[in-house]
Amino acid sequence: MKIGILAPPWAAVPPPSYGGIEAVISELAVGLTAAGHEVMLFATGDSTAPVPLVRATASATWDRVGHGEVELPHVMQGYEALAGCDIIHDHTLLGPAWALASGYDRVITTCHGPFDDELTAIYRRYAKLMPVVAISHAQARRAPAVTIDGVIHHGLDPAAYPVGDGDGDFLLFLGRLTPDKGVRQAVLAAQSAGRRLIVAAKGREKGEKVYYREQIEPLLDDSVEFIGEIGGEDKLRLLGAASALLNPIQWPEPFGLVMIEAMACGTPVIACPRGAAPEIVDEGVTGFLCRDDAELISAIDNVDHVSREACREAVTERFSTARMVSDHLAL
């Protein structure tokens, strides 16, 4: 098949640092190519995925995430560029609406966001006219009114994630500086457990900066090191050296790519049983799912008993790019 992939205009594919959706799109594009298909990617001009790339916006527009006047021209150009493909896999929000309005009939779309009231209303209508993919069962359960044609977990290439020894004697928080990611809970739990914590978090948006200044910075002491946003080899090094990924999410996250990234490096995950976390973390095997502060502290105290080999095996068996690609091709 000739498969077109339409990425959002907010970050490069793959992203240089933060950007879970773009990381997954890159894995999918490379994996489909390896499976023998012709792939054409429509993404920002600073994208570097090793597949044929149709460049749209010159560079990522992260500072304008969610702006329709940015996304709509992007998807209009995208559908024009990918019109000759056998199928278009749309990862944007506005793209399916443009496809339906313009008569494109070989489109499948993945919803990467939470099925809140607004997205449920949108995807309920999309699903009447095109296949919709969810990225976890937890995400799909939140929208019984939306017809979901497949639940496909994210995947990654285990070979790109070196297994670490966890010998850095620190816990790691990796994510965004927002309340729903649980960075404040991570700091407080690590301090209560008497463990060192490294916080590697994106904080370039105005709301993230305010949250850091008001809620995180006052908590910092010698036991907490804030290093900001990271990616590439620096991220892999920290993931492999960490005793555990501390990921006490405070919202029903549709997936949570950082959890399988940590597990691929052999690092256990300490999370909360919200969203897709129970589909990713096996209690006591690849980490712990904690319902309150006391359980978070207990998990930190016991995480050294979790097998790093089991963490890696879980990704190889259940969360690989090959499995993700196979699921998409079957659908």
C-alpha atoms as a PDB file:
ATOM      1  CA  MET A   1       0.000   0.000   0.000  1.00  0.00           C
ATOM      2  CA  LYS A   2       0.891   3.634  -0.359  1.00  0.00           C
ATOM      3  CA  ILE A   3       0.133   5.073   3.065  1.00  0.00           C
ATOM      4  CA  GLY A   4      -0.073   8.769   3.823  1.00  0.00           C
ATOM      5  CA  ILE A   5       0.453   9.932   7.378  1.00  0.00           C
ATOM      6  CA  LEU A   6      -0.760  13.374   8.406  1.00  0.00           C
ATOM      7  CA  ALA A   7       1.002  14.721  11.511  1.00  0.00           C
ATOM      8  CA  PRO A   8      -0.052  17.796  13.518  1.00  0.00           C
ATOM      9  CA  PRO A   9       1.836  21.065  12.938  1.00  0.00           C
ATOM     10  CA  TRP A  10       2.923  21.502  16.558  1.00  0.00           C
ATOM     11  CA  ALA A  11       6.234  19.596  16.688  1.00  0.00           C
ATOM     12  CA  ALA A  12       8.776  17.940  14.410  1.00  0.00           C
ATOM     13  CA  VAL A  13       8.585  14.205  13.636  1.00  0.00           C
ATOM     14  CA  PRO A  14      10.325  12.809  15.603  1.00  0.00           C
ATOM     15  CA  PRO A  15      10.413  15.550  18.236  1.00  0.00           C
ATOM     16  CA  PRO A  16      13.788  16.796  19.483  1.00  0.00           C
ATOM     17  CA  SER A  17      12.512  16.640  23.065  1.00  0.00           C
ATOM     18  CA  TYR A  18       8.899  16.658  24.298  1.00  0.00           C
ATOM     19  CA  GLY A  19       6.236  15.329  21.912  1.00  0.00           C
ATOM     20  CA  GLY A  20       4.684  11.913  22.455  1.00  0.00           C
ATOM     21  CA  ILE A  21       2.335  12.039  19.463  1.00  0.00           C
ATOM     22  CA  GLU A  22       5.149  12.927  17.104  1.00  0.00           C
ATOM     23  CA  ALA A  23       7.377  10.184  18.526  1.00  0.00           C
ATOM     24  CA  VAL A  24       4.646   7.610  17.885  1.00  0.00           C
ATOM     25  CA  ILE A  25       4.028   8.908  14.358  1.00  0.00           C
ATOM     26  CA  SER A  26       7.736   8.542  13.607  1.00  0.00           C
ATOM     27  CA  GLU A  27       7.776   4.959  14.882  1.00  0.00           C
ATOM     28  CA  LEU A  28       4.677   4.137  12.856  1.00  0.00           C
ATOM     29  CA  ALA A  29       6.094   5.644   9.657  1.00  0.00           C
ATOM     30  CA  VAL A  30       9.402   3.805  10.008  1.00  0.00           C
ATOM     31  CA  GLY A  31       7.672   0.569  10.992  1.00  0.00           C
ATOM     32  CA  LEU A  32       5.258   0.623   8.069  1.00  0.00           C
ATOM     33  CA  THR A  33       8.179   1.232   5.706  1.00  0.00           C
ATOM     34  CA  ALA A  34      10.077  -1.709   7.205  1.00  0.00           C
ATOM     35  CA  ALA A  35       6.964  -3.842   6.676  1.00  0.00           C
ATOM     36  CA  GLY A  36       7.230  -3.175   2.930  1.00  0.00           C
ATOM     37  CA  HIS A  37       4.782  -0.340   2.432  1.00  0.00           C
ATOM     38  CA  GLU A  38       5.341   2.984   0.717  1.00  0.00           C
ATOM     39  CA  VAL A  39       4.935   5.741   3.271  1.00  0.00           C
ATOM     40  CA  MET A  40       4.581   9.463   2.694  1.00  0.00           C
ATOM     41  CA  LEU A  41       4.654  11.724   5.747  1.00  0.00           C
ATOM     42  CA  PHE A  42       3.159  15.212   5.826  1.00  0.00           C
ATOM     43  CA  ALA A  43       4.744  17.053   8.737  1.00  0.00           C
ATOM     44  CA  THR A  44       6.644  20.190   9.651  1.00  0.00           C
ATOM     45  CA  GLY A  45       9.700  21.102   7.608  1.00  0.00           C
ATOM     46  CA  ASP A  46      12.094  20.486  10.482  1.00  0.00           C
ATOM     47  CA  SER A  47      11.032  16.842  10.717  1.00  0.00           C
ATOM     48  CA  THR A  48      13.749  14.230  10.268  1.00  0.00           C
ATOM     49  CA  ALA A  49      11.896  10.904  10.111  1.00  0.00           C
ATOM     50  CA  PRO A  50      13.705   8.710   7.549  1.00  0.00           C
ATOM     51  CA  VAL A  51      10.733   8.346   5.191  1.00  0.00           C
ATOM     52  CA  PRO A  52       9.603  10.450   2.207  1.00  0.00           C
ATOM     53  CA  LEU A  53       8.547  13.750   3.759  1.00  0.00           C
ATOM     54  CA  VAL A  54       6.244  16.371   2.310  1.00  0.00           C
ATOM     55  CA  ARG A  55       7.144  19.563   4.100  1.00  0.00           C
ATOM     56  CA  ALA A  56       4.426  21.910   5.229  1.00  0.00           C
ATOM     57  CA  THR A  57       5.047  24.621   7.814  1.00  0.00           C
ATOM     58  CA  ALA A  58       8.733  25.520   7.787  1.00  0.00           C
ATOM     59  CA  SER A  59       9.113  24.600  11.447  1.00  0.00           C
ATOM     60  CA  ALA A  60       7.094  23.483  14.440  1.00  0.00           C
ATOM     61  CA  THR A  61       4.599  25.922  15.942  1.00  0.00           C
ATOM     62  CA  TRP A  62       4.502  24.671  19.534  1.00  0.00           C
ATOM     63  CA  ASP A  63       3.793  28.157  20.879  1.00  0.00           C
ATOM     64  CA  ARG A  64       0.454  28.121  19.014  1.00  0.00           C
ATOM     65  CA  VAL A  65      -0.787  24.633  19.904  1.00  0.00           C
ATOM     66  CA  GLY A  66      -4.515  24.318  19.349  1.00  0.00           C
ATOM     67  CA  HIS A  67      -4.888  27.377  17.144  1.00  0.00           C
ATOM     68  CA  GLY A  68      -7.287  26.465  14.353  1.00  0.00           C
ATOM     69  CA  GLU A  69      -5.877  29.097  12.021  1.00  0.00           C
ATOM     70  CA  VAL A  70      -2.564  27.221  12.192  1.00  0.00           C
ATOM     71  CA  GLU A  71      -3.905  23.671  12.000  1.00  0.00           C
ATOM     72  CA  LEU A  72      -6.511  24.109   9.256  1.00  0.00           C
ATOM     73  CA  PRO A  73      -4.153  25.370   6.496  1.00  0.00           C
ATOM     74  CA  HIS A  74      -1.769  22.588   7.510  1.00  0.00           C
ATOM     75  CA  VAL A  75      -4.369  19.848   7.040  1.00  0.00           C
ATOM     76  CA  MET A  76      -5.678  21.398   3.823  1.00  0.00           C
ATOM     77  CA  GLN A  77      -2.200  21.233   2.329  1.00  0.00           C
ATOM     78  CA  GLY A  78      -1.718  17.780   3.794  1.00  0.00           C
ATOM     79  CA  TYR A  79      -4.711  16.239   2.094  1.00  0.00           C
ATOM     80  CA  GLU A  80      -3.735  17.790  -1.207  1.00  0.00           C
ATOM     81  CA  ALA A  81      -0.209  16.399  -0.888  1.00  0.00           C
ATOM     82  CA  LEU A  82      -1.364  12.928   0.152  1.00  0.00           C
ATOM     83  CA  ALA A  83      -4.272  12.642  -2.291  1.00  0.00           C
ATOM     84  CA  GLY A  84      -2.573   9.907  -4.315  1.00  0.00           C
ATOM     85  CA  CYS A  85      -2.190   7.552  -1.357  1.00  0.00           C
ATOM     86  CA  ASP A  86      -4.256   4.395  -0.961  1.00  0.00           C
ATOM     87  CA  ILE A  87      -5.109   5.416   2.596  1.00  0.00           C
ATOM     88  CA  ILE A  88      -4.457   8.469   4.772  1.00  0.00           C
ATOM     89  CA  HIS A  89      -3.856   8.035   8.501  1.00  0.00           C
ATOM     90  CA  ASP A  90      -4.808  11.334  10.116  1.00  0.00           C
ATOM     91  CA  HIS A  91      -3.373  12.240  13.539  1.00  0.00           C
ATOM     92  CA  THR A  92      -4.807  15.768  13.669  1.00  0.00           C
ATOM     93  CA  LEU A  93      -8.027  17.076  15.198  1.00  0.00           C
ATOM     94  CA  LEU A  94      -9.347  19.195  12.327  1.00  0.00           C
ATOM     95  CA  GLY A  95      -8.102  16.977   9.498  1.00  0.00           C
ATOM     96  CA  PRO A  96     -10.988  14.486   9.500  1.00  0.00           C
ATOM     97  CA  ALA A  97     -13.514  17.332   9.251  1.00  0.00           C
ATOM     98  CA  TRP A  98     -11.695  18.683   6.197  1.00  0.00           C
ATOM     99  CA  ALA A  99     -11.491  15.184   4.710  1.00  0.00           C
ATOM    100  CA  LEU A 100     -15.231  14.657   5.082  1.00  0.00           C
ATOM    101  CA  ALA A 101     -16.046  18.096   3.699  1.00  0.00           C
ATOM    102  CA  SER A 102     -13.735  17.554   0.725  1.00  0.00           C
ATOM    103  CA  GLY A 103     -14.805  14.042  -0.206  1.00  0.00           C
ATOM    104  CA  TYR A 104     -11.721  12.076   0.862  1.00  0.00           C
ATOM    105  CA  ASP A 105     -13.028   8.592   1.594  1.00  0.00           C
ATOM    106  CA  ARG A 106      -9.930   6.518   2.385  1.00  0.00           C
ATOM    107  CA  VAL A 107      -9.107   7.999   5.771  1.00  0.00           C
ATOM    108  CA  ILE A 108      -8.571   6.551   9.221  1.00  0.00           C
ATOM    109  CA  THR A 109      -8.001   8.751  12.258  1.00  0.00           C
ATOM    110  CA  THR A 110      -6.399   8.201  15.653  1.00  0.00           C
ATOM    111  CA  CYS A 111      -7.624  10.218  18.621  1.00  0.00           C
ATOM    112  CA  HIS A 112      -4.649  11.045  20.833  1.00  0.00           C
ATOM    113  CA  GLY A 113      -6.509  13.161  23.378  1.00  0.00           C
ATOM    114  CA  PRO A 114      -8.890  12.374  26.236  1.00  0.00           C
ATOM    115  CA  PHE A 115     -12.520  11.802  25.320  1.00  0.00           C
ATOM    116  CA  ASP A 116     -13.867  14.758  27.263  1.00  0.00           C
ATOM    117  CA  ASP A 117     -17.219  16.293  26.346  1.00  0.00           C
ATOM    118  CA  GLU A 118     -15.774  18.319  23.470  1.00  0.00           C
ATOM    119  CA  LEU A 119     -13.759  15.527  21.825  1.00  0.00           C
ATOM    120  CA  THR A 120     -16.543  13.011  22.340  1.00  0.00           C
ATOM    121  CA  ALA A 121     -18.955  15.247  20.438  1.00  0.00           C
ATOM    122  CA  ILE A 122     -16.450  15.622  17.607  1.00  0.00           C
ATOM    123  CA  TYR A 123     -15.396  11.981  17.285  1.00  0.00           C
ATOM    124  CA  ARG A 124     -18.948  10.684  17.606  1.00  0.00           C
ATOM    125  CA  ARG A 125     -19.624  12.412  14.303  1.00  0.00           C
ATOM    126  CA  TYR A 126     -16.305  11.418  12.758  1.00  0.00           C
ATOM    127  CA  ALA A 127     -16.928   7.755  13.624  1.00  0.00           C
ATOM    128  CA  LYS A 128     -20.114   7.673  11.568  1.00  0.00           C
ATOM    129  CA  LEU A 129     -18.098   8.240   8.399  1.00  0.00           C
ATOM    130  CA  MET A 130     -14.569   6.936   8.998  1.00  0.00           C
ATOM    131  CA  PRO A 131     -12.729   4.440  11.234  1.00  0.00           C
ATOM    132  CA  VAL A 132     -11.553   5.839  14.573  1.00  0.00           C
ATOM    133  CA  VAL A 133      -8.646   4.369  16.547  1.00  0.00           C
ATOM    134  CA  ALA A 134      -8.260   4.749  20.313  1.00  0.00           C
ATOM    135  CA  ILE A 135      -4.866   4.414  21.974  1.00  0.00           C
ATOM    136  CA  SER A 136      -6.069   2.591  25.103  1.00  0.00           C
ATOM    137  CA  HIS A 137      -9.118   0.779  26.431  1.00  0.00           C
ATOM    138  CA  ALA A 138      -9.354   3.354  29.211  1.00  0.00           C
ATOM    139  CA  GLN A 139      -9.613   6.130  26.642  1.00  0.00           C
ATOM    140  CA  ALA A 140     -12.267   4.234  24.668  1.00  0.00           C
ATOM    141  CA  ARG A 141     -14.361   3.468  27.764  1.00  0.00           C
ATOM    142  CA  ARG A 142     -14.756   7.185  28.436  1.00  0.00           C
ATOM    143  CA  ALA A 143     -16.702   7.613  25.200  1.00  0.00           C
ATOM    144  CA  PRO A 144     -19.294   4.840  24.835  1.00  0.00           C
ATOM    145  CA  ALA A 145     -21.119   7.017  22.285  1.00  0.00           C
ATOM    146  CA  VAL A 146     -18.112   6.898  19.933  1.00  0.00           C
ATOM    147  CA  THR A 147     -17.774   3.862  17.677  1.00  0.00           C
ATOM    148  CA  ILE A 148     -14.157   2.739  18.096  1.00  0.00           C
ATOM    149  CA  ASP A 149     -12.867   0.521  15.289  1.00  0.00           C
ATOM    150  CA  GLY A 150      -9.673  -0.494  17.079  1.00  0.00           C
ATOM    151  CA  VAL A 151      -7.725   0.030  20.290  1.00  0.00           C
ATOM    152  CA  ILE A 152      -4.028   0.136  19.429  1.00  0.00           C
ATOM    153  CA  HIS A 153      -1.447   0.766  22.122  1.00  0.00           C
ATOM    154  CA  HIS A 154       1.592   2.836  21.250  1.00  0.00           C
ATOM    155  CA  GLY A 155       4.864   1.096  20.489  1.00  0.00           C
ATOM    156  CA  LEU A 156       8.561   1.838  20.283  1.00  0.00           C
ATOM    157  CA  ASP A 157      11.687   0.181  18.950  1.00  0.00           C
ATOM    158  CA  PRO A 158      13.342  -1.541  21.930  1.00  0.00           C
ATOM    159  CA  ALA A 159      16.691  -1.508  20.112  1.00  0.00           C
ATOM    160  CA  ALA A 160      16.708   2.295  20.347  1.00  0.00           C
ATOM    161  CA  TYR A 161      16.453   2.171  24.150  1.00  0.00           C
ATOM    162  CA  PRO A 162      19.587   0.859  25.889  1.00  0.00           C
ATOM    163  CA  VAL A 163      18.948  -0.987  29.112  1.00  0.00           C
ATOM    164  CA  GLY A 164      20.434   0.802  32.103  1.00  0.00           C
ATOM    165  CA  ASP A 165      21.557  -0.527  35.471  1.00  0.00           C
ATOM    166  CA  GLY A 166      19.516   1.918  37.506  1.00  0.00           C
ATOM    167  CA  ASP A 167      22.706   2.765  39.355  1.00  0.00           C
ATOM    168  CA  GLY A 168      22.204   6.544  39.447  1.00  0.00           C
ATOM    169  CA  ASP A 169      20.677   6.489  42.945  1.00  0.00           C
ATOM    170  CA  PHE A 170      17.839   8.817  41.956  1.00  0.00           C
ATOM    171  CA  LEU A 171      14.183   8.782  40.990  1.00  0.00           C
ATOM    172  CA  LEU A 172      13.143  10.519  37.774  1.00  0.00           C
ATOM    173  CA  PHE A 173      10.138  12.614  36.845  1.00  0.00           C
ATOM    174  CA  LEU A 174       9.886  13.158  33.087  1.00  0.00           C
ATOM    175  CA  GLY A 175       7.029  15.121  31.586  1.00  0.00           C
ATOM    176  CA  ARG A 176       5.361  18.533  31.624  1.00  0.00           C
ATOM    177  CA  LEU A 177       5.008  21.144  34.346  1.00  0.00           C
ATOM    178  CA  THR A 178       1.258  20.847  34.730  1.00  0.00           C
ATOM    179  CA  PRO A 179      -0.893  19.684  37.657  1.00  0.00           C
ATOM    180  CA  ASP A 180      -2.293  16.697  35.756  1.00  0.00           C
ATOM    181  CA  LYS A 181       1.171  15.173  35.289  1.00  0.00           C
ATOM    182  CA  GLY A 182       1.686  15.005  39.068  1.00  0.00           C
ATOM    183  CA  VAL A 183       5.087  16.654  39.353  1.00  0.00           C
ATOM    184  CA  ARG A 184       4.200  18.221  42.712  1.00  0.00           C
ATOM    185  CA  GLN A 185       3.102  14.824  44.049  1.00  0.00           C
ATOM    186  CA  ALA A 186       6.347  13.318  42.760  1.00  0.00           C
ATOM    187  CA  VAL A 187       8.471  15.900  44.578  1.00  0.00           C
ATOM    188  CA  LEU A 188       6.609  15.494  47.864  1.00  0.00           C
ATOM    189  CA  ALA A 189       6.682  11.679  47.702  1.00  0.00           C
ATOM    190  CA  ALA A 190      10.407  11.539  46.960  1.00  0.00           C
ATOM    191  CA  GLN A 191      11.157  13.947  49.798  1.00  0.00           C
ATOM    192  CA  SER A 192       9.017  11.939  52.224  1.00  0.00           C
ATOM    193  CA  ALA A 193      10.829   8.751  51.188  1.00  0.00           C
ATOM    194  CA  GLY A 194      14.208  10.413  51.624  1.00  0.00           C
ATOM    195  CA  ARG A 195      15.196   9.808  48.007  1.00  0.00           C
ATOM    196  CA  ARG A 196      16.863  12.075  45.480  1.00  0.00           C
ATOM    197  CA  LEU A 197      14.653  13.182  42.581  1.00  0.00           C
ATOM    198  CA  ILE A 198      15.573  14.609  39.185  1.00  0.00           C
ATOM    199  CA  VAL A 199      12.788  16.587  37.507  1.00  0.00           C
ATOM    200  CA  ALA A 200      13.193  16.772  33.725  1.00  0.00           C
ATOM    201  CA  ALA A 201      10.129  18.641  32.547  1.00  0.00           C
ATOM    202  CA  LYS A 202       8.907  20.853  29.743  1.00  0.00           C
ATOM    203  CA  GLY A 203       8.097  24.324  30.984  1.00  0.00           C
ATOM    204  CA  ARG A 204       8.127  26.717  28.035  1.00  0.00           C
ATOM    205  CA  GLU A 205       4.449  27.683  27.965  1.00  0.00           C
ATOM    206  CA  LYS A 206       3.088  30.504  30.127  1.00  0.00           C
ATOM    207  CA  GLY A 207       0.886  28.250  32.265  1.00  0.00           C
ATOM    208  CA  GLU A 208       3.758  25.826  32.845  1.00  0.00           C
ATOM    209  CA  LYS A 209       6.030  28.657  33.964  1.00  0.00           C
ATOM    210  CA  VAL A 210       3.436  29.963  36.399  1.00  0.00           C
ATOM    211  CA  TYR A 211       2.831  26.473  37.803  1.00  0.00           C
ATOM    212  CA  TYR A 212       6.550  25.941  38.316  1.00  0.00           C
ATOM    213  CA  ARG A 213       7.029  29.292  40.009  1.00  0.00           C
ATOM    214  CA  GLU A 214       4.023  28.948  42.321  1.00  0.00           C
ATOM    215  CA  GLN A 215       3.805  25.213  43.024  1.00  0.00           C
ATOM    216  CA  ILE A 216       7.188  23.576  42.391  1.00  0.00           C
ATOM    217  CA  GLU A 217       9.973  26.058  42.987  1.00  0.00           C
ATOM    218  CA  PRO A 218       9.022  26.627  46.661  1.00  0.00           C
ATOM    219  CA  LEU A 219       9.419  22.882  47.302  1.00  0.00           C
ATOM    220  CA  LEU A 220      12.907  22.540  45.856  1.00  0.00           C
ATOM    221  CA  ASP A 221      15.778  21.655  48.151  1.00  0.00           C
ATOM    222  CA  ASP A 222      19.060  19.778  47.917  1.00  0.00           C
ATOM    223  CA  SER A 223      17.215  16.488  47.331  1.00  0.00           C
ATOM    224  CA  VAL A 224      15.476  17.715  44.161  1.00  0.00           C
ATOM    225  CA  GLU A 225      17.321  18.665  40.990  1.00  0.00           C
ATOM    226  CA  PHE A 226      15.333  20.497  38.325  1.00  0.00           C
ATOM    227  CA  ILE A 227      17.007  20.241  34.911  1.00  0.00           C
ATOM    228  CA  GLY A 228      14.205  21.307  32.553  1.00  0.00           C
ATOM    229  CA  GLU A 229      13.319  19.776  29.200  1.00  0.00           C
ATOM    230  CA  ILE A 230      15.537  17.067  27.745  1.00  0.00           C
ATOM    231  CA  GLY A 231      15.552  14.666  24.798  1.00  0.00           C
ATOM    232  CA  GLY A 232      17.742  12.328  22.790  1.00  0.00           C
ATOM    233  CA  GLU A 233      20.732  10.706  24.452  1.00  0.00           C
ATOM    234  CA  ASP A 234      20.317  12.763  27.619  1.00  0.00           C
ATOM    235  CA  LYS A 235      16.829  11.369  28.112  1.00  0.00           C
ATOM    236  CA  LEU A 236      17.925   7.800  27.496  1.00  0.00           C
ATOM    237  CA  ARG A 237      20.836   8.161  29.896  1.00  0.00           C
ATOM    238  CA  LEU A 238      18.612   9.425  32.690  1.00  0.00           C
ATOM    239  CA  LEU A 239      15.943   6.799  32.069  1.00  0.00           C
ATOM    240  CA  GLY A 240      18.500   4.005  32.263  1.00  0.00           C
ATOM    241  CA  ALA A 241      20.223   5.322  35.365  1.00  0.00           C
ATOM    242  CA  ALA A 242      17.066   6.033  37.367  1.00  0.00           C
ATOM    243  CA  SER A 243      15.923   3.672  40.106  1.00  0.00           C
ATOM    244  CA  ALA A 244      12.357   4.299  38.955  1.00  0.00           C
ATOM    245  CA  LEU A 245      10.215   6.627  36.907  1.00  0.00           C
ATOM    246  CA  LEU A 246       7.955   8.506  39.300  1.00  0.00           C
ATOM    247  CA  ASN A 247       4.791   9.207  37.303  1.00  0.00           C
ATOM    248  CA  PRO A 248       1.902   9.989  39.700  1.00  0.00           C
ATOM    249  CA  ILE A 249      -0.522  11.196  37.039  1.00  0.00           C
ATOM    250  CA  GLN A 250      -3.568  13.089  38.285  1.00  0.00           C
ATOM    251  CA  TRP A 251      -5.767  12.678  35.212  1.00  0.00           C
ATOM    252  CA  PRO A 252      -7.087   9.866  32.970  1.00  0.00           C
ATOM    253  CA  GLU A 253      -4.148   9.971  30.562  1.00  0.00           C
ATOM    254  CA  PRO A 254      -5.085   8.220  27.285  1.00  0.00           C
ATOM    255  CA  PHE A 255      -1.732   6.396  27.130  1.00  0.00           C
ATOM    256  CA  GLY A 256       1.529   7.725  28.580  1.00  0.00           C
ATOM    257  CA  LEU A 257       4.471   7.016  26.278  1.00  0.00           C
ATOM    258  CA  VAL A 258       7.028   7.899  28.953  1.00  0.00           C
ATOM    259  CA  MET A 259       6.055   4.790  30.909  1.00  0.00           C
ATOM    260  CA  ILE A 260       6.996   2.376  28.137  1.00  0.00           C
ATOM    261  CA  GLU A 261      10.132   4.406  27.411  1.00  0.00           C
ATOM    262  CA  ALA A 262      11.230   3.893  31.012  1.00  0.00           C
ATOM    263  CA  MET A 263      10.373   0.194  30.947  1.00  0.00           C
ATOM    264  CA  ALA A 264      12.300  -0.247  27.688  1.00  0.00           C
ATOM    265  CA  CYS A 265      15.375   1.018  29.558  1.00  0.00           C
ATOM    266  CA  GLY A 266      14.677  -1.511  32.319  1.00  0.00           C
ATOM    267  CA  THR A 267      13.341   1.115  34.697  1.00  0.00           C
ATOM    268  CA  PRO A 268      10.258   0.358  36.831  1.00  0.00           C
ATOM    269  CA  VAL A 269       7.330   2.768  36.825  1.00  0.00           C
ATOM    270  CA  ILE A 270       5.573   4.133  39.890  1.00  0.00           C
ATOM    271  CA  ALA A 271       2.280   5.599  38.742  1.00  0.00           C
ATOM    272  CA  CYS A 272      -1.322   6.127  39.792  1.00  0.00           C
ATOM    273  CA  PRO A 273      -4.088   3.809  38.518  1.00  0.00           C
ATOM    274  CA  ARG A 274      -5.606   6.427  36.255  1.00  0.00           C
ATOM    275  CA  GLY A 275      -6.185   6.351  32.516  1.00  0.00           C
ATOM    276  CA  ALA A 276      -4.149   3.744  30.663  1.00  0.00           C
ATOM    277  CA  ALA A 277      -1.590   3.186  33.450  1.00  0.00           C
ATOM    278  CA  PRO A 278      -3.152  -0.174  34.522  1.00  0.00           C
ATOM    279  CA  GLU A 279      -2.856  -1.362  30.900  1.00  0.00           C
ATOM    280  CA  ILE A 280       0.861  -0.564  30.908  1.00  0.00           C
ATOM    281  CA  VAL A 281       2.166  -1.238  34.416  1.00  0.00           C
ATOM    282  CA  ASP A 282       1.838  -4.738  35.892  1.00  0.00           C
ATOM    283  CA  GLU A 283       1.530  -4.321  39.644  1.00  0.00           C
ATOM    284  CA  GLY A 284       4.628  -5.656  41.403  1.00  0.00           C
ATOM    285  CA  VAL A 285       6.142  -6.873  38.119  1.00  0.00           C
ATOM    286  CA  THR A 286       7.039  -3.754  36.149  1.00  0.00           C
ATOM    287  CA  GLY A 287       6.212  -1.213  38.839  1.00  0.00           C
ATOM    288  CA  PHE A 288       3.459  -0.104  41.188  1.00  0.00           C
ATOM    289  CA  LEU A 289       0.086   1.628  40.905  1.00  0.00           C
ATOM    290  CA  CYS A 290      -0.493   3.876  43.900  1.00  0.00           C
ATOM    291  CA  ARG A 291      -3.786   5.328  45.112  1.00  0.00           C
ATOM    292  CA  ASP A 292      -2.492   7.759  47.711  1.00  0.00           C
ATOM    293  CA  ASP A 293       0.635   9.360  49.147  1.00  0.00           C
ATOM    294  CA  ALA A 294       1.294   6.505  51.552  1.00  0.00           C
ATOM    295  CA  GLU A 295       1.294   3.978  48.710  1.00  0.00           C
ATOM    296  CA  LEU A 296       3.619   6.196  46.672  1.00  0.00           C
ATOM    297  CA  ILE A 297       6.139   6.278  49.513  1.00  0.00           C
ATOM    298  CA  SER A 298       5.828   2.512  50.055  1.00  0.00           C
ATOM    299  CA  ALA A 299       6.372   1.870  46.347  1.00  0.00           C
ATOM    300  CA  ILE A 300       9.509   4.015  46.373  1.00  0.00           C
ATOM    301  CA  ASP A 301      10.818   1.993  49.310  1.00  0.00           C
ATOM    302  CA  ASN A 302      10.161  -1.293  47.479  1.00  0.00           C
ATOM    303  CA  VAL A 303      10.956  -0.465  43.868  1.00  0.00           C
ATOM    304  CA  ASP A 304      14.454  -1.945  44.053  1.00  0.00           C
ATOM    305  CA  HIS A 305      12.806  -5.382  44.232  1.00  0.00           C
ATOM    306  CA  VAL A 306      11.265  -5.000  40.770  1.00  0.00           C
ATOM    307  CA  SER A 307      13.111  -6.872  38.015  1.00  0.00           C
ATOM    308  CA  ARG A 308      14.566  -4.580  35.379  1.00  0.00           C
ATOM    309  CA  GLU A 309      14.621  -7.542  33.004  1.00  0.00           C
ATOM    310  CA  ALA A 310      10.854  -7.945  33.417  1.00  0.00           C
ATOM    311  CA  CYS A 311      10.360  -4.277  32.534  1.00  0.00           C
ATOM    312  CA  ARG A 312      12.293  -4.660  29.325  1.00  0.00           C
ATOM    313  CA  GLU A 313      10.540  -7.912  28.412  1.00  0.00           C
ATOM    314  CA  ALA A 314       7.115  -6.302  28.809  1.00  0.00           C
ATOM    315  CA  VAL A 315       7.985  -3.686  26.206  1.00  0.00           C
ATOM    316  CA  THR A 316       9.487  -6.218  23.809  1.00  0.00           C
ATOM    317  CA  GLU A 317       6.420  -8.431  24.032  1.00  0.00           C
ATOM    318  CA  ARG A 318       3.579  -5.895  24.272  1.00  0.00           C
ATOM    319  CA  PHE A 319       4.732  -2.406  23.328  1.00  0.00           C
ATOM    320  CA  SER A 320       7.046  -2.766  20.345  1.00  0.00           C
ATOM    321  CA  THR A 321       6.838  -0.859  17.076  1.00  0.00           C
ATOM    322  CA  ALA A 322       6.406  -4.181  15.266  1.00  0.00           C
ATOM    323  CA  ARG A 323       3.304  -5.025  17.307  1.00  0.00           C
ATOM    324  CA  MET A 324       1.860  -1.532  16.801  1.00  0.00           C
ATOM    325  CA  VAL A 325       2.432  -1.693  13.039  1.00  0.00           C
ATOM    326  CA  SER A 326       0.897  -5.162  12.837  1.00  0.00           C
ATOM    327  CA  ASP A 327      -2.215  -3.952  14.645  1.00  0.00           C
ATOM    328  CA  HIS A 328      -2.612  -0.980  12.313  1.00  0.00           C
ATOM    329  CA  LEU A 329      -2.148  -3.103   9.193  1.00  0.00           C
ATOM    330  CA  ALA A 330      -4.717  -5.604  10.436  1.00  0.00           C
ATOM    331  CA  LEU A 331      -7.237  -2.805  10.965  1.00  0.00           C
END
